[in-house]
């Protein structure tokens, strides 16, 4: 079984800013479950959504991804 790769750092960035996935879901007008799945890297949001997330969190887009 292959190990899941964490593509995005959403969970980490939210934690660094003391924000919740619920808060992010509200900002983006998205379902909490959807945002939670992004945070656990079960699914990835579209790139346009990543741009919105970076804007809302006031971080560079590259900060949302692992190297």
C-alpha atoms as a PDB file:
ATOM      1  CA  UNK A   1       0.000   0.000   0.000  1.00  0.00           C
ATOM      2  CA  UNK A   2       1.400   3.402  -0.966  1.00  0.00           C
ATOM      3  CA  UNK A   3       1.870   6.098   1.624  1.00  0.00           C
ATOM      4  CA  UNK A   4      -0.279   9.209   1.248  1.00  0.00           C
ATOM      5  CA  UNK A   5       1.727  12.241   0.190  1.00  0.00           C
ATOM      6  CA  UNK A   6       0.812  15.536   1.808  1.00  0.00           C
ATOM      7  CA  UNK A   7       0.748  17.865  -1.158  1.00  0.00           C
ATOM      8  CA  UNK A   8      -0.632  20.914   0.610  1.00  0.00           C
ATOM      9  CA  UNK A   9       0.221  22.519   3.960  1.00  0.00           C
ATOM     10  CA  UNK A  10      -3.224  23.954   4.672  1.00  0.00           C
ATOM     11  CA  UNK A  11      -3.483  22.346   8.099  1.00  0.00           C
ATOM     12  CA  UNK A  12      -0.032  23.659   9.078  1.00  0.00           C
ATOM     13  CA  UNK A  13      -0.663  27.193   7.812  1.00  0.00           C
ATOM     14  CA  UNK A  14      -4.029  27.352   9.580  1.00  0.00           C
ATOM     15  CA  UNK A  15      -2.396  26.149  12.813  1.00  0.00           C
ATOM     16  CA  UNK A  16       0.397  28.740  12.477  1.00  0.00           C
ATOM     17  CA  UNK A  17      -2.248  31.452  12.197  1.00  0.00           C
ATOM     18  CA  UNK A  18      -4.467  29.984  14.941  1.00  0.00           C
ATOM     19  CA  UNK A  19      -7.320  29.580  12.476  1.00  0.00           C
ATOM     20  CA  UNK A  20      -9.680  26.652  11.988  1.00  0.00           C
ATOM     21  CA  UNK A  21     -10.791  24.831   8.868  1.00  0.00           C
ATOM     22  CA  UNK A  22     -14.315  25.928   9.872  1.00  0.00           C
ATOM     23  CA  UNK A  23     -13.210  29.568   9.684  1.00  0.00           C
ATOM     24  CA  UNK A  24     -11.613  28.973   6.277  1.00  0.00           C
ATOM     25  CA  UNK A  25     -14.766  27.238   5.034  1.00  0.00           C
ATOM     26  CA  UNK A  26     -16.803  30.291   6.083  1.00  0.00           C
ATOM     27  CA  UNK A  27     -14.398  32.690   4.323  1.00  0.00           C
ATOM     28  CA  UNK A  28     -14.561  30.667   1.099  1.00  0.00           C
ATOM     29  CA  UNK A  29     -18.271  29.880   1.421  1.00  0.00           C
ATOM     30  CA  UNK A  30     -17.451  26.182   1.172  1.00  0.00           C
ATOM     31  CA  UNK A  31     -18.683  23.130   3.048  1.00  0.00           C
ATOM     32  CA  UNK A  32     -16.707  22.427   6.254  1.00  0.00           C
ATOM     33  CA  UNK A  33     -16.283  18.790   5.257  1.00  0.00           C
ATOM     34  CA  UNK A  34     -14.771  19.804   1.912  1.00  0.00           C
ATOM     35  CA  UNK A  35     -12.233  22.104   3.570  1.00  0.00           C
ATOM     36  CA  UNK A  36     -11.455  19.459   6.168  1.00  0.00           C
ATOM     37  CA  UNK A  37     -10.670  16.969   3.376  1.00  0.00           C
ATOM     38  CA  UNK A  38      -8.329  19.537   1.801  1.00  0.00           C
ATOM     39  CA  UNK A  39      -6.580  19.949   5.166  1.00  0.00           C
ATOM     40  CA  UNK A  40      -6.041  16.198   5.501  1.00  0.00           C
ATOM     41  CA  UNK A  41      -4.894  15.968   1.862  1.00  0.00           C
ATOM     42  CA  UNK A  42      -7.672  13.494   1.006  1.00  0.00           C
ATOM     43  CA  UNK A  43      -8.501  15.739  -1.940  1.00  0.00           C
ATOM     44  CA  UNK A  44      -6.956  18.890  -3.397  1.00  0.00           C
ATOM     45  CA  UNK A  45      -8.871  22.065  -4.187  1.00  0.00           C
ATOM     46  CA  UNK A  46      -8.655  23.519  -7.705  1.00  0.00           C
ATOM     47  CA  UNK A  47      -5.770  25.935  -8.290  1.00  0.00           C
ATOM     48  CA  UNK A  48      -8.182  28.912  -8.398  1.00  0.00           C
ATOM     49  CA  UNK A  49      -9.291  27.946  -4.893  1.00  0.00           C
ATOM     50  CA  UNK A  50      -5.663  27.707  -3.730  1.00  0.00           C
ATOM     51  CA  UNK A  51      -5.240  31.288  -4.965  1.00  0.00           C
ATOM     52  CA  UNK A  52      -8.286  32.389  -2.936  1.00  0.00           C
ATOM     53  CA  UNK A  53      -6.972  30.529   0.134  1.00  0.00           C
ATOM     54  CA  UNK A  54      -3.571  32.226  -0.150  1.00  0.00           C
ATOM     55  CA  UNK A  55      -5.338  35.575  -0.401  1.00  0.00           C
ATOM     56  CA  UNK A  56      -7.626  34.925   2.590  1.00  0.00           C
ATOM     57  CA  UNK A  57      -4.717  33.651   4.724  1.00  0.00           C
ATOM     58  CA  UNK A  58      -2.406  36.444   3.506  1.00  0.00           C
ATOM     59  CA  UNK A  59       0.364  34.041   2.550  1.00  0.00           C
ATOM     60  CA  UNK A  60       2.262  33.383  -0.660  1.00  0.00           C
ATOM     61  CA  UNK A  61       0.721  30.648  -2.792  1.00  0.00           C
ATOM     62  CA  UNK A  62       3.962  28.636  -2.484  1.00  0.00           C
ATOM     63  CA  UNK A  63       3.527  28.562   1.323  1.00  0.00           C
ATOM     64  CA  UNK A  64       0.506  26.301   0.824  1.00  0.00           C
ATOM     65  CA  UNK A  65       2.569  23.506  -0.724  1.00  0.00           C
ATOM     66  CA  UNK A  66       5.212  21.110   0.505  1.00  0.00           C
ATOM     67  CA  UNK A  67       8.549  21.077  -1.316  1.00  0.00           C
END
